[in-house]
Amino acid sequence: MDYEKIVQKRNRYQAVRDSIPELTLQSYEKAFEIEYTHNSTAIEGNTLTLIETKVLLEDGISIGGKHLRELYEAVNHQKAYLWEEFTEMWMYIYQEHSTRRHLLMIYTGRSRIFMRTLHGRVVN
């Protein structure tokens, strides 16, 4: 699949995304999260099936006959995935806030304040 086809598919999705009900989007995201966890841990040798992974992650019910390592691996993978989503959202909000604060200070004529960027942080 070439890049142009991918861009076309993304554009078609973005055009109709707002018409998809929120509950449906949440359902798709949850299904992706479970399948992603299952596939990622299966690559590492985890023997949980997709259904077992779903039961473990959604209901919190452990599966008999499986090693604790496999159960913890799936649960920890899900936690890492959710943490990554949270930090992406937080970083976006932080960057937007910092940029707006910086622009506000520039445009209000407070030129005596020297601002520089240090490791992604705005420092006065």
PDB file of N, CA and C in Angstrom:
ATOM      1  N   MET A   1       0.855  -1.167   0.000  1.00  0.00           N
ATOM      2  CA  MET A   1       0.000   0.000   0.000  1.00  0.00           C
ATOM      3  C   MET A   1       0.905   1.236   0.000  1.00  0.00           C
ATOM      4  N   ASP A   2       0.649   2.124  -0.894  1.00  0.00           N
ATOM      5  CA  ASP A   2       1.500   3.306  -0.959  1.00  0.00           C
ATOM      6  C   ASP A   2       0.966   4.432  -0.081  1.00  0.00           C
ATOM      7  N   TYR A   3       1.783   5.425   0.083  1.00  0.00           N
ATOM      8  CA  TYR A   3       1.486   6.533   0.991  1.00  0.00           C
ATOM      9  C   TYR A   3       0.227   7.288   0.584  1.00  0.00           C
ATOM     10  N   GLU A   4       0.028   7.503  -0.697  1.00  0.00           N
ATOM     11  CA  GLU A   4      -1.140   8.264  -1.166  1.00  0.00           C
ATOM     12  C   GLU A   4      -2.449   7.569  -0.805  1.00  0.00           C
ATOM     13  N   LYS A   5      -2.490   6.244  -0.909  1.00  0.00           N
ATOM     14  CA  LYS A   5      -3.696   5.506  -0.539  1.00  0.00           C
ATOM     15  C   LYS A   5      -3.975   5.620   0.954  1.00  0.00           C
ATOM     16  N   ILE A   6      -2.921   5.581   1.740  1.00  0.00           N
ATOM     17  CA  ILE A   6      -3.088   5.714   3.192  1.00  0.00           C
ATOM     18  C   ILE A   6      -3.646   7.090   3.527  1.00  0.00           C
ATOM     19  N   VAL A   7      -3.124   8.112   2.885  1.00  0.00           N
ATOM     20  CA  VAL A   7      -3.602   9.475   3.132  1.00  0.00           C
ATOM     21  C   VAL A   7      -5.057   9.610   2.705  1.00  0.00           C
ATOM     22  N   GLN A   8      -5.429   9.011   1.583  1.00  0.00           N
ATOM     23  CA  GLN A   8      -6.813   9.063   1.121  1.00  0.00           C
ATOM     24  C   GLN A   8      -7.746   8.385   2.126  1.00  0.00           C
ATOM     25  N   LYS A   9      -7.341   7.235   2.639  1.00  0.00           N
ATOM     26  CA  LYS A   9      -8.163   6.528   3.626  1.00  0.00           C
ATOM     27  C   LYS A   9      -8.293   7.338   4.912  1.00  0.00           C
ATOM     28  N   ARG A  10      -7.192   7.954   5.332  1.00  0.00           N
ATOM     29  CA  ARG A  10      -7.251   8.791   6.531  1.00  0.00           C
ATOM     30  C   ARG A  10      -8.203   9.959   6.329  1.00  0.00           C
ATOM     31  N   ASN A  11      -8.147  10.585   5.164  1.00  0.00           N
ATOM     32  CA  ASN A  11      -9.020  11.723   4.879  1.00  0.00           C
ATOM     33  C   ASN A  11     -10.492  11.306   4.835  1.00  0.00           C
ATOM     34  N   ARG A  12     -10.771  10.145   4.261  1.00  0.00           N
ATOM     35  CA  ARG A  12     -12.155   9.648   4.238  1.00  0.00           C
ATOM     36  C   ARG A  12     -12.652   9.374   5.651  1.00  0.00           C
ATOM     37  N   TYR A  13     -11.789   8.785   6.477  1.00  0.00           N
ATOM     38  CA  TYR A  13     -12.153   8.509   7.867  1.00  0.00           C
ATOM     39  C   TYR A  13     -12.424   9.806   8.627  1.00  0.00           C
ATOM     40  N   GLN A  14     -11.532  10.773   8.481  1.00  0.00           N
ATOM     41  CA  GLN A  14     -11.703  12.035   9.198  1.00  0.00           C
ATOM     42  C   GLN A  14     -12.957  12.776   8.748  1.00  0.00           C
ATOM     43  N   ALA A  15     -13.366  12.606   7.488  1.00  0.00           N
ATOM     44  CA  ALA A  15     -14.560  13.272   6.983  1.00  0.00           C
ATOM     45  C   ALA A  15     -15.831  12.721   7.634  1.00  0.00           C
ATOM     46  N   VAL A  16     -15.852  11.435   7.947  1.00  0.00           N
ATOM     47  CA  VAL A  16     -17.065  10.835   8.522  1.00  0.00           C
ATOM     48  C   VAL A  16     -16.948  10.556  10.022  1.00  0.00           C
ATOM     49  N   ARG A  17     -15.786  10.807  10.615  1.00  0.00           N
ATOM     50  CA  ARG A  17     -15.561  10.486  12.030  1.00  0.00           C
ATOM     51  C   ARG A  17     -16.579  11.184  12.934  1.00  0.00           C
ATOM     52  N   ASP A  18     -16.923  12.414  12.634  1.00  0.00           N
ATOM     53  CA  ASP A  18     -17.846  13.152  13.492  1.00  0.00           C
ATOM     54  C   ASP A  18     -19.265  12.590  13.451  1.00  0.00           C
ATOM     55  N   SER A  19     -19.592  11.849  12.405  1.00  0.00           N
ATOM     56  CA  SER A  19     -20.941  11.276  12.312  1.00  0.00           C
ATOM     57  C   SER A  19     -21.048   9.922  13.022  1.00  0.00           C
ATOM     58  N   ILE A  20     -19.915   9.369  13.477  1.00  0.00           N
ATOM     59  CA  ILE A  20     -19.925   8.089  14.185  1.00  0.00           C
ATOM     60  C   ILE A  20     -20.301   8.352  15.639  1.00  0.00           C
ATOM     61  N   PRO A  21     -21.277   7.622  16.191  1.00  0.00           N
ATOM     62  CA  PRO A  21     -21.676   7.829  17.588  1.00  0.00           C
ATOM     63  C   PRO A  21     -20.506   7.590  18.548  1.00  0.00           C
ATOM     64  N   GLU A  22     -20.479   8.347  19.636  1.00  0.00           N
ATOM     65  CA  GLU A  22     -19.394   8.269  20.616  1.00  0.00           C
ATOM     66  C   GLU A  22     -19.264   6.863  21.210  1.00  0.00           C
ATOM     67  N   LEU A  23     -20.380   6.215  21.468  1.00  0.00           N
ATOM     68  CA  LEU A  23     -20.363   4.859  22.028  1.00  0.00           C
ATOM     69  C   LEU A  23     -19.671   3.882  21.070  1.00  0.00           C
ATOM     70  N   THR A  24     -19.926   4.045  19.784  1.00  0.00           N
ATOM     71  CA  THR A  24     -19.284   3.191  18.782  1.00  0.00           C
ATOM     72  C   THR A  24     -17.785   3.416  18.755  1.00  0.00           C
ATOM     73  N   LEU A  25     -17.362   4.663  18.818  1.00  0.00           N
ATOM     74  CA  LEU A  25     -15.927   4.971  18.843  1.00  0.00           C
ATOM     75  C   LEU A  25     -15.262   4.365  20.073  1.00  0.00           C
ATOM     76  N   GLN A  26     -15.915   4.481  21.218  1.00  0.00           N
ATOM     77  CA  GLN A  26     -15.367   3.896  22.444  1.00  0.00           C
ATOM     78  C   GLN A  26     -15.256   2.382  22.327  1.00  0.00           C
ATOM     79  N   SER A  27     -16.240   1.768  21.689  1.00  0.00           N
ATOM     80  CA  SER A  27     -16.227   0.323  21.490  1.00  0.00           C
ATOM     81  C   SER A  27     -15.061  -0.096  20.602  1.00  0.00           C
ATOM     82  N   TYR A  28     -14.849   0.656  19.518  1.00  0.00           N
ATOM     83  CA  TYR A  28     -13.719   0.365  18.621  1.00  0.00           C
ATOM     84  C   TYR A  28     -12.386   0.541  19.335  1.00  0.00           C
ATOM     85  N   GLU A  29     -12.273   1.597  20.139  1.00  0.00           N
ATOM     86  CA  GLU A  29     -11.030   1.845  20.861  1.00  0.00           C
ATOM     87  C   GLU A  29     -10.750   0.750  21.877  1.00  0.00           C
ATOM     88  N   LYS A  30     -11.786   0.303  22.569  1.00  0.00           N
ATOM     89  CA  LYS A  30     -11.621  -0.773  23.541  1.00  0.00           C
ATOM     90  C   LYS A  30     -11.218  -2.078  22.856  1.00  0.00           C
ATOM     91  N   ALA A  31     -11.862  -2.376  21.720  1.00  0.00           N
ATOM     92  CA  ALA A  31     -11.518  -3.589  20.969  1.00  0.00           C
ATOM     93  C   ALA A  31     -10.071  -3.522  20.484  1.00  0.00           C
ATOM     94  N   PHE A  32      -9.642  -2.349  20.013  1.00  0.00           N
ATOM     95  CA  PHE A  32      -8.254  -2.183  19.556  1.00  0.00           C
ATOM     96  C   PHE A  32      -7.292  -2.395  20.712  1.00  0.00           C
ATOM     97  N   GLU A  33      -7.619  -1.827  21.859  1.00  0.00           N
ATOM     98  CA  GLU A  33      -6.758  -1.952  23.036  1.00  0.00           C
ATOM     99  C   GLU A  33      -6.562  -3.421  23.421  1.00  0.00           C
ATOM    100  N   ILE A  34      -7.643  -4.195  23.417  1.00  0.00           N
ATOM    101  CA  ILE A  34      -7.554  -5.614  23.781  1.00  0.00           C
ATOM    102  C   ILE A  34      -6.784  -6.404  22.730  1.00  0.00           C
ATOM    103  N   GLU A  35      -7.094  -6.179  21.450  1.00  0.00           N
ATOM    104  CA  GLU A  35      -6.390  -6.898  20.384  1.00  0.00           C
ATOM    105  C   GLU A  35      -4.912  -6.522  20.340  1.00  0.00           C
ATOM    106  N   TYR A  36      -4.605  -5.257  20.561  1.00  0.00           N
ATOM    107  CA  TYR A  36      -3.219  -4.795  20.573  1.00  0.00           C
ATOM    108  C   TYR A  36      -2.452  -5.460  21.710  1.00  0.00           C
ATOM    109  N   THR A  37      -3.064  -5.520  22.877  1.00  0.00           N
ATOM    110  CA  THR A  37      -2.426  -6.176  24.021  1.00  0.00           C
ATOM    111  C   THR A  37      -2.215  -7.654  23.735  1.00  0.00           C
ATOM    112  N   HIS A  38      -3.233  -8.316  23.219  1.00  0.00           N
ATOM    113  CA  HIS A  38      -3.115  -9.745  22.909  1.00  0.00           C
ATOM    114  C   HIS A  38      -2.007  -9.997  21.896  1.00  0.00           C
ATOM    115  N   ASN A  39      -2.015  -9.262  20.787  1.00  0.00           N
ATOM    116  CA  ASN A  39      -1.022  -9.483  19.729  1.00  0.00           C
ATOM    117  C   ASN A  39       0.389  -9.163  20.202  1.00  0.00           C
ATOM    118  N   SER A  40       0.532  -8.084  20.962  1.00  0.00           N
ATOM    119  CA  SER A  40       1.862  -7.703  21.435  1.00  0.00           C
ATOM    120  C   SER A  40       2.430  -8.727  22.410  1.00  0.00           C
ATOM    121  N   THR A  41       1.597  -9.222  23.310  1.00  0.00           N
ATOM    122  CA  THR A  41       2.096 -10.208  24.266  1.00  0.00           C
ATOM    123  C   THR A  41       2.278 -11.579  23.610  1.00  0.00           C
ATOM    124  N   ALA A  42       1.460 -11.879  22.595  1.00  0.00           N
ATOM    125  CA  ALA A  42       1.616 -13.158  21.880  1.00  0.00           C
ATOM    126  C   ALA A  42       2.957 -13.209  21.145  1.00  0.00           C
ATOM    127  N   ILE A  43       3.379 -12.087  20.623  1.00  0.00           N
ATOM    128  CA  ILE A  43       4.684 -12.033  19.945  1.00  0.00           C
ATOM    129  C   ILE A  43       5.799 -12.402  20.914  1.00  0.00           C
ATOM    130  N   GLU A  44       5.625 -12.040  22.181  1.00  0.00           N
ATOM    131  CA  GLU A  44       6.632 -12.329  23.203  1.00  0.00           C
ATOM    132  C   GLU A  44       6.501 -13.737  23.778  1.00  0.00           C
ATOM    133  N   GLY A  45       5.512 -14.509  23.297  1.00  0.00           N
ATOM    134  CA  GLY A  45       5.379 -15.897  23.744  1.00  0.00           C
ATOM    135  C   GLY A  45       4.254 -16.148  24.724  1.00  0.00           C
ATOM    136  N   ASN A  46       3.419 -15.167  24.961  1.00  0.00           N
ATOM    137  CA  ASN A  46       2.285 -15.327  25.867  1.00  0.00           C
ATOM    138  C   ASN A  46       1.263 -16.261  25.220  1.00  0.00           C
ATOM    139  N   THR A  47       0.713 -17.199  26.005  1.00  0.00           N
ATOM    140  CA  THR A  47      -0.201 -18.204  25.455  1.00  0.00           C
ATOM    141  C   THR A  47      -1.677 -17.867  25.684  1.00  0.00           C
ATOM    142  N   LEU A  48      -1.985 -16.676  26.210  1.00  0.00           N
ATOM    143  CA  LEU A  48      -3.385 -16.299  26.382  1.00  0.00           C
ATOM    144  C   LEU A  48      -4.056 -16.140  25.024  1.00  0.00           C
ATOM    145  N   THR A  49      -5.282 -16.650  24.924  1.00  0.00           N
ATOM    146  CA  THR A  49      -6.047 -16.443  23.688  1.00  0.00           C
ATOM    147  C   THR A  49      -6.658 -15.041  23.727  1.00  0.00           C
ATOM    148  N   LEU A  50      -7.242 -14.630  22.617  1.00  0.00           N
ATOM    149  CA  LEU A  50      -7.873 -13.316  22.560  1.00  0.00           C
ATOM    150  C   LEU A  50      -9.025 -13.225  23.559  1.00  0.00           C
ATOM    151  N   ILE A  51      -9.835 -14.288  23.656  1.00  0.00           N
ATOM    152  CA  ILE A  51     -10.960 -14.301  24.598  1.00  0.00           C
ATOM    153  C   ILE A  51     -10.458 -14.257  26.045  1.00  0.00           C
ATOM    154  N   GLU A  52      -9.408 -15.015  26.347  1.00  0.00           N
ATOM    155  CA  GLU A  52      -8.841 -14.997  27.698  1.00  0.00           C
ATOM    156  C   GLU A  52      -8.295 -13.607  28.043  1.00  0.00           C
ATOM    157  N   THR A  53      -7.665 -12.954  27.080  1.00  0.00           N
ATOM    158  CA  THR A  53      -7.149 -11.603  27.289  1.00  0.00           C
ATOM    159  C   THR A  53      -8.290 -10.637  27.556  1.00  0.00           C
ATOM    160  N   LYS A  54      -9.374 -10.771  26.794  1.00  0.00           N
ATOM    161  CA  LYS A  54     -10.544  -9.908  26.978  1.00  0.00           C
ATOM    162  C   LYS A  54     -11.131 -10.085  28.378  1.00  0.00           C
ATOM    163  N   VAL A  55     -11.313 -11.332  28.817  1.00  0.00           N
ATOM    164  CA  VAL A  55     -11.872 -11.609  30.137  1.00  0.00           C
ATOM    165  C   VAL A  55     -10.956 -11.048  31.230  1.00  0.00           C
ATOM    166  N   LEU A  56      -9.673 -11.224  31.064  1.00  0.00           N
ATOM    167  CA  LEU A  56      -8.710 -10.739  32.054  1.00  0.00           C
ATOM    168  C   LEU A  56      -8.737  -9.218  32.157  1.00  0.00           C
ATOM    169  N   LEU A  57      -8.719  -8.540  31.009  1.00  0.00           N
ATOM    170  CA  LEU A  57      -8.627  -7.076  31.025  1.00  0.00           C
ATOM    171  C   LEU A  57      -9.943  -6.389  31.347  1.00  0.00           C
ATOM    172  N   GLU A  58     -11.050  -6.917  30.846  1.00  0.00           N
ATOM    173  CA  GLU A  58     -12.340  -6.259  31.072  1.00  0.00           C
ATOM    174  C   GLU A  58     -12.979  -6.648  32.401  1.00  0.00           C
ATOM    175  N   ASP A  59     -12.918  -7.925  32.740  1.00  0.00           N
ATOM    176  CA  ASP A  59     -13.610  -8.409  33.933  1.00  0.00           C
ATOM    177  C   ASP A  59     -12.690  -8.608  35.133  1.00  0.00           C
ATOM    178  N   GLY A  60     -11.372  -8.644  34.884  1.00  0.00           N
ATOM    179  CA  GLY A  60     -10.427  -8.847  35.974  1.00  0.00           C
ATOM    180  C   GLY A  60     -10.405 -10.261  36.500  1.00  0.00           C
ATOM    181  N   ILE A  61     -10.869 -11.204  35.690  1.00  0.00           N
ATOM    182  CA  ILE A  61     -10.917 -12.613  36.101  1.00  0.00           C
ATOM    183  C   ILE A  61      -9.682 -13.311  35.548  1.00  0.00           C
ATOM    184  N   SER A  62      -8.903 -13.930  36.444  1.00  0.00           N
ATOM    185  CA  SER A  62      -7.708 -14.632  35.988  1.00  0.00           C
ATOM    186  C   SER A  62      -8.091 -15.985  35.398  1.00  0.00           C
ATOM    187  N   ILE A  63      -7.251 -16.467  34.533  1.00  0.00           N
ATOM    188  CA  ILE A  63      -7.516 -17.707  33.806  1.00  0.00           C
ATOM    189  C   ILE A  63      -6.730 -18.831  34.471  1.00  0.00           C
ATOM    190  N   GLY A  64      -7.424 -19.911  34.810  1.00  0.00           N
ATOM    191  CA  GLY A  64      -6.765 -21.042  35.449  1.00  0.00           C
ATOM    192  C   GLY A  64      -5.812 -21.751  34.502  1.00  0.00           C
ATOM    193  N   GLY A  65      -4.746 -22.267  35.058  1.00  0.00           N
ATOM    194  CA  GLY A  65      -3.783 -23.026  34.272  1.00  0.00           C
ATOM    195  C   GLY A  65      -2.762 -22.167  33.546  1.00  0.00           C
ATOM    196  N   LYS A  66      -2.800 -20.867  33.743  1.00  0.00           N
ATOM    197  CA  LYS A  66      -1.843 -19.969  33.095  1.00  0.00           C
ATOM    198  C   LYS A  66      -0.849 -19.471  34.134  1.00  0.00           C
ATOM    199  N   HIS A  67       0.360 -19.215  33.688  1.00  0.00           N
ATOM    200  CA  HIS A  67       1.386 -18.681  34.576  1.00  0.00           C
ATOM    201  C   HIS A  67       1.041 -17.243  34.959  1.00  0.00           C
ATOM    202  N   LEU A  68       1.372 -16.888  36.197  1.00  0.00           N
ATOM    203  CA  LEU A  68       1.142 -15.510  36.641  1.00  0.00           C
ATOM    204  C   LEU A  68       1.891 -14.519  35.756  1.00  0.00           C
ATOM    205  N   ARG A  69       3.047 -14.915  35.268  1.00  0.00           N
ATOM    206  CA  ARG A  69       3.835 -14.054  34.402  1.00  0.00           C
ATOM    207  C   ARG A  69       3.025 -13.627  33.182  1.00  0.00           C
ATOM    208  N   GLU A  70       2.281 -14.577  32.603  1.00  0.00           N
ATOM    209  CA  GLU A  70       1.485 -14.264  31.418  1.00  0.00           C
ATOM    210  C   GLU A  70       0.335 -13.311  31.755  1.00  0.00           C
ATOM    211  N   LEU A  71      -0.290 -13.535  32.912  1.00  0.00           N
ATOM    212  CA  LEU A  71      -1.387 -12.665  33.323  1.00  0.00           C
ATOM    213  C   LEU A  71      -0.890 -11.249  33.591  1.00  0.00           C
ATOM    214  N   TYR A  72       0.198 -11.142  34.351  1.00  0.00           N
ATOM    215  CA  TYR A  72       0.757  -9.826  34.659  1.00  0.00           C
ATOM    216  C   TYR A  72       1.275  -9.130  33.393  1.00  0.00           C
ATOM    217  N   GLU A  73       1.804  -9.907  32.487  1.00  0.00           N
ATOM    218  CA  GLU A  73       2.313  -9.332  31.237  1.00  0.00           C
ATOM    219  C   GLU A  73       1.189  -8.627  30.473  1.00  0.00           C
ATOM    220  N   ALA A  74       0.037  -9.269  30.387  1.00  0.00           N
ATOM    221  CA  ALA A  74      -1.096  -8.673  29.673  1.00  0.00           C
ATOM    222  C   ALA A  74      -1.637  -7.454  30.413  1.00  0.00           C
ATOM    223  N   VAL A  75      -1.790  -7.563  31.724  1.00  0.00           N
ATOM    224  CA  VAL A  75      -2.315  -6.444  32.514  1.00  0.00           C
ATOM    225  C   VAL A  75      -1.355  -5.259  32.465  1.00  0.00           C
ATOM    226  N   ASN A  76      -0.075  -5.531  32.604  1.00  0.00           N
ATOM    227  CA  ASN A  76       0.906  -4.447  32.575  1.00  0.00           C
ATOM    228  C   ASN A  76       1.014  -3.821  31.192  1.00  0.00           C
ATOM    229  N   HIS A  77       0.834  -4.613  30.152  1.00  0.00           N
ATOM    230  CA  HIS A  77       0.848  -4.059  28.797  1.00  0.00           C
ATOM    231  C   HIS A  77      -0.311  -3.081  28.625  1.00  0.00           C
ATOM    232  N   GLN A  78      -1.484  -3.473  29.106  1.00  0.00           N
ATOM    233  CA  GLN A  78      -2.643  -2.579  29.017  1.00  0.00           C
ATOM    234  C   GLN A  78      -2.389  -1.289  29.797  1.00  0.00           C
ATOM    235  N   LYS A  79      -1.822  -1.408  30.997  1.00  0.00           N
ATOM    236  CA  LYS A  79      -1.527  -0.214  31.801  1.00  0.00           C
ATOM    237  C   LYS A  79      -0.541   0.693  31.070  1.00  0.00           C
ATOM    238  N   ALA A  80       0.466   0.107  30.443  1.00  0.00           N
ATOM    239  CA  ALA A  80       1.442   0.911  29.701  1.00  0.00           C
ATOM    240  C   ALA A  80       0.789   1.598  28.508  1.00  0.00           C
ATOM    241  N   TYR A  81      -0.109   0.897  27.831  1.00  0.00           N
ATOM    242  CA  TYR A  81      -0.814   1.483  26.689  1.00  0.00           C
ATOM    243  C   TYR A  81      -1.671   2.661  27.140  1.00  0.00           C
ATOM    244  N   LEU A  82      -2.412   2.487  28.230  1.00  0.00           N
ATOM    245  CA  LEU A  82      -3.258   3.564  28.744  1.00  0.00           C
ATOM    246  C   LEU A  82      -2.413   4.735  29.242  1.00  0.00           C
ATOM    247  N   TRP A  83      -1.269   4.430  29.867  1.00  0.00           N
ATOM    248  CA  TRP A  83      -0.385   5.495  30.335  1.00  0.00           C
ATOM    249  C   TRP A  83       0.169   6.293  29.153  1.00  0.00           C
ATOM    250  N   GLU A  84       0.516   5.605  28.085  1.00  0.00           N
ATOM    251  CA  GLU A  84       1.033   6.275  26.896  1.00  0.00           C
ATOM    252  C   GLU A  84      -0.023   7.209  26.304  1.00  0.00           C
ATOM    253  N   GLU A  85      -1.275   6.747  26.248  1.00  0.00           N
ATOM    254  CA  GLU A  85      -2.353   7.604  25.747  1.00  0.00           C
ATOM    255  C   GLU A  85      -2.534   8.825  26.643  1.00  0.00           C
ATOM    256  N   PHE A  86      -2.477   8.617  27.956  1.00  0.00           N
ATOM    257  CA  PHE A  86      -2.648   9.726  28.895  1.00  0.00           C
ATOM    258  C   PHE A  86      -1.522  10.738  28.743  1.00  0.00           C
ATOM    259  N   THR A  87      -0.285  10.263  28.664  1.00  0.00           N
ATOM    260  CA  THR A  87       0.830  11.200  28.581  1.00  0.00           C
ATOM    261  C   THR A  87       0.834  11.945  27.256  1.00  0.00           C
ATOM    262  N   GLU A  88       0.411  11.290  26.174  1.00  0.00           N
ATOM    263  CA  GLU A  88       0.297  11.996  24.892  1.00  0.00           C
ATOM    264  C   GLU A  88      -0.705  13.130  25.003  1.00  0.00           C
ATOM    265  N   MET A  89      -1.860  12.867  25.615  1.00  0.00           N
ATOM    266  CA  MET A  89      -2.879  13.884  25.775  1.00  0.00           C
ATOM    267  C   MET A  89      -2.368  15.000  26.681  1.00  0.00           C
ATOM    268  N   TRP A  90      -1.710  14.646  27.782  1.00  0.00           N
ATOM    269  CA  TRP A  90      -1.208  15.637  28.714  1.00  0.00           C
ATOM    270  C   TRP A  90      -0.138  16.508  28.067  1.00  0.00           C
ATOM    271  N   MET A  91       0.767  15.898  27.319  1.00  0.00           N
ATOM    272  CA  MET A  91       1.831  16.667  26.665  1.00  0.00           C
ATOM    273  C   MET A  91       1.245  17.628  25.639  1.00  0.00           C
ATOM    274  N   TYR A  92       0.220  17.202  24.927  1.00  0.00           N
ATOM    275  CA  TYR A  92      -0.421  18.090  23.953  1.00  0.00           C
ATOM    276  C   TYR A  92      -1.019  19.301  24.675  1.00  0.00           C
ATOM    277  N   ILE A  93      -1.725  19.048  25.776  1.00  0.00           N
ATOM    278  CA  ILE A  93      -2.333  20.144  26.543  1.00  0.00           C
ATOM    279  C   ILE A  93      -1.244  21.053  27.108  1.00  0.00           C
ATOM    280  N   TYR A  94      -0.181  20.473  27.642  1.00  0.00           N
ATOM    281  CA  TYR A  94       0.906  21.259  28.229  1.00  0.00           C
ATOM    282  C   TYR A  94       1.569  22.127  27.172  1.00  0.00           C
ATOM    283  N   GLN A  95       1.842  21.557  26.007  1.00  0.00           N
ATOM    284  CA  GLN A  95       2.480  22.322  24.942  1.00  0.00           C
ATOM    285  C   GLN A  95       1.576  23.441  24.456  1.00  0.00           C
ATOM    286  N   GLU A  96       0.282  23.158  24.313  1.00  0.00           N
ATOM    287  CA  GLU A  96      -0.656  24.198  23.891  1.00  0.00           C
ATOM    288  C   GLU A  96      -0.687  25.324  24.913  1.00  0.00           C
ATOM    289  N   HIS A  97      -0.753  24.974  26.191  1.00  0.00           N
ATOM    290  CA  HIS A  97      -0.807  25.980  27.254  1.00  0.00           C
ATOM    291  C   HIS A  97       0.468  26.821  27.261  1.00  0.00           C
ATOM    292  N   SER A  98       1.617  26.167  27.150  1.00  0.00           N
ATOM    293  CA  SER A  98       2.885  26.883  27.169  1.00  0.00           C
ATOM    294  C   SER A  98       3.006  27.821  25.978  1.00  0.00           C
ATOM    295  N   THR A  99       2.594  27.345  24.815  1.00  0.00           N
ATOM    296  CA  THR A  99       2.664  28.178  23.608  1.00  0.00           C
ATOM    297  C   THR A  99       1.753  29.387  23.737  1.00  0.00           C
ATOM    298  N   ARG A 100       0.547  29.184  24.219  1.00  0.00           N
ATOM    299  CA  ARG A 100      -0.391  30.301  24.372  1.00  0.00           C
ATOM    300  C   ARG A 100       0.105  31.298  25.420  1.00  0.00           C
ATOM    301  N   ARG A 101       0.657  30.790  26.498  1.00  0.00           N
ATOM    302  CA  ARG A 101       1.199  31.672  27.532  1.00  0.00           C
ATOM    303  C   ARG A 101       2.338  32.505  26.963  1.00  0.00           C
ATOM    304  N   HIS A 102       3.200  31.848  26.212  1.00  0.00           N
ATOM    305  CA  HIS A 102       4.334  32.536  25.599  1.00  0.00           C
ATOM    306  C   HIS A 102       3.839  33.624  24.644  1.00  0.00           C
ATOM    307  N   LEU A 103       2.885  33.302  23.793  1.00  0.00           N
ATOM    308  CA  LEU A 103       2.360  34.280  22.847  1.00  0.00           C
ATOM    309  C   LEU A 103       1.663  35.428  23.565  1.00  0.00           C
ATOM    310  N   LEU A 104       0.949  35.115  24.623  1.00  0.00           N
ATOM    311  CA  LEU A 104       0.265  36.153  25.380  1.00  0.00           C
ATOM    312  C   LEU A 104       1.274  37.130  25.980  1.00  0.00           C
ATOM    313  N   MET A 105       2.349  36.607  26.490  1.00  0.00           N
ATOM    314  CA  MET A 105       3.368  37.471  27.090  1.00  0.00           C
ATOM    315  C   MET A 105       4.069  38.315  26.030  1.00  0.00           C
ATOM    316  N   ILE A 106       4.261  37.760  24.869  1.00  0.00           N
ATOM    317  CA  ILE A 106       4.904  38.517  23.795  1.00  0.00           C
ATOM    318  C   ILE A 106       3.984  39.630  23.321  1.00  0.00           C
ATOM    319  N   TYR A 107       2.729  39.324  23.093  1.00  0.00           N
ATOM    320  CA  TYR A 107       1.801  40.295  22.517  1.00  0.00           C
ATOM    321  C   TYR A 107       1.286  41.327  23.509  1.00  0.00           C
ATOM    322  N   THR A 108       1.482  41.111  24.809  1.00  0.00           N
ATOM    323  CA  THR A 108       1.031  42.110  25.766  1.00  0.00           C
ATOM    324  C   THR A 108       2.105  43.153  26.036  1.00  0.00           C
ATOM    325  N   GLY A 109       3.196  43.070  25.344  1.00  0.00           N
ATOM    326  CA  GLY A 109       4.230  44.094  25.461  1.00  0.00           C
ATOM    327  C   GLY A 109       5.134  43.937  26.668  1.00  0.00           C
ATOM    328  N   ARG A 110       5.146  42.778  27.248  1.00  0.00           N
ATOM    329  CA  ARG A 110       6.012  42.565  28.407  1.00  0.00           C
ATOM    330  C   ARG A 110       7.375  42.110  27.908  1.00  0.00           C
ATOM    331  N   SER A 111       8.070  42.996  27.255  1.00  0.00           N
ATOM    332  CA  SER A 111       9.320  42.631  26.599  1.00  0.00           C
ATOM    333  C   SER A 111      10.468  42.436  27.591  1.00  0.00           C
ATOM    334  N   ARG A 112      10.300  42.867  28.841  1.00  0.00           N
ATOM    335  CA  ARG A 112      11.388  42.718  29.802  1.00  0.00           C
ATOM    336  C   ARG A 112      11.539  41.273  30.286  1.00  0.00           C
ATOM    337  N   ILE A 113      10.537  40.456  29.989  1.00  0.00           N
ATOM    338  CA  ILE A 113      10.604  39.052  30.394  1.00  0.00           C
ATOM    339  C   ILE A 113      11.323  38.264  29.304  1.00  0.00           C
ATOM    340  N   PHE A 114      12.400  37.649  29.691  1.00  0.00           N
ATOM    341  CA  PHE A 114      13.161  36.833  28.756  1.00  0.00           C
ATOM    342  C   PHE A 114      12.682  35.394  28.896  1.00  0.00           C
ATOM    343  N   MET A 115      12.231  34.822  27.818  1.00  0.00           N
ATOM    344  CA  MET A 115      11.751  33.440  27.863  1.00  0.00           C
ATOM    345  C   MET A 115      12.602  32.591  26.939  1.00  0.00           C
ATOM    346  N   ARG A 116      12.939  31.443  27.410  1.00  0.00           N
ATOM    347  CA  ARG A 116      13.697  30.518  26.579  1.00  0.00           C
ATOM    348  C   ARG A 116      13.127  29.123  26.775  1.00  0.00           C
ATOM    349  N   THR A 117      13.410  28.251  25.852  1.00  0.00           N
ATOM    350  CA  THR A 117      12.940  26.878  25.938  1.00  0.00           C
ATOM    351  C   THR A 117      14.072  26.012  26.462  1.00  0.00           C
ATOM    352  N   LEU A 118      13.780  25.239  27.487  1.00  0.00           N
ATOM    353  CA  LEU A 118      14.766  24.356  28.082  1.00  0.00           C
ATOM    354  C   LEU A 118      14.107  22.997  28.265  1.00  0.00           C
ATOM    355  N   HIS A 119      14.510  22.029  27.487  1.00  0.00           N
ATOM    356  CA  HIS A 119      13.960  20.676  27.559  1.00  0.00           C
ATOM    357  C   HIS A 119      12.446  20.677  27.470  1.00  0.00           C
ATOM    358  N   GLY A 120      11.883  21.470  26.556  1.00  0.00           N
ATOM    359  CA  GLY A 120      10.446  21.481  26.350  1.00  0.00           C
ATOM    360  C   GLY A 120       9.668  22.284  27.373  1.00  0.00           C
ATOM    361  N   ARG A 121      10.358  22.997  28.258  1.00  0.00           N
ATOM    362  CA  ARG A 121       9.660  23.801  29.255  1.00  0.00           C
ATOM    363  C   ARG A 121       9.915  25.270  28.989  1.00  0.00           C
ATOM    364  N   VAL A 122       8.922  26.073  29.238  1.00  0.00           N
ATOM    365  CA  VAL A 122       9.077  27.507  29.098  1.00  0.00           C
ATOM    366  C   VAL A 122       9.536  28.035  30.445  1.00  0.00           C
ATOM    367  N   VAL A 123      10.681  28.719  30.442  1.00  0.00           N
ATOM    368  CA  VAL A 123      11.278  29.206  31.674  1.00  0.00           C
ATOM    369  C   VAL A 123      11.293  30.722  31.646  1.00  0.00           C
ATOM    370  N   ASN A 124      10.835  31.361  32.722  1.00  0.00           N
ATOM    371  CA  ASN A 124      10.878  32.832  32.821  1.00  0.00           C
ATOM    372  C   ASN A 124      12.236  33.284  33.292  1.00  0.00           C
TER     373      ASN A 124
END
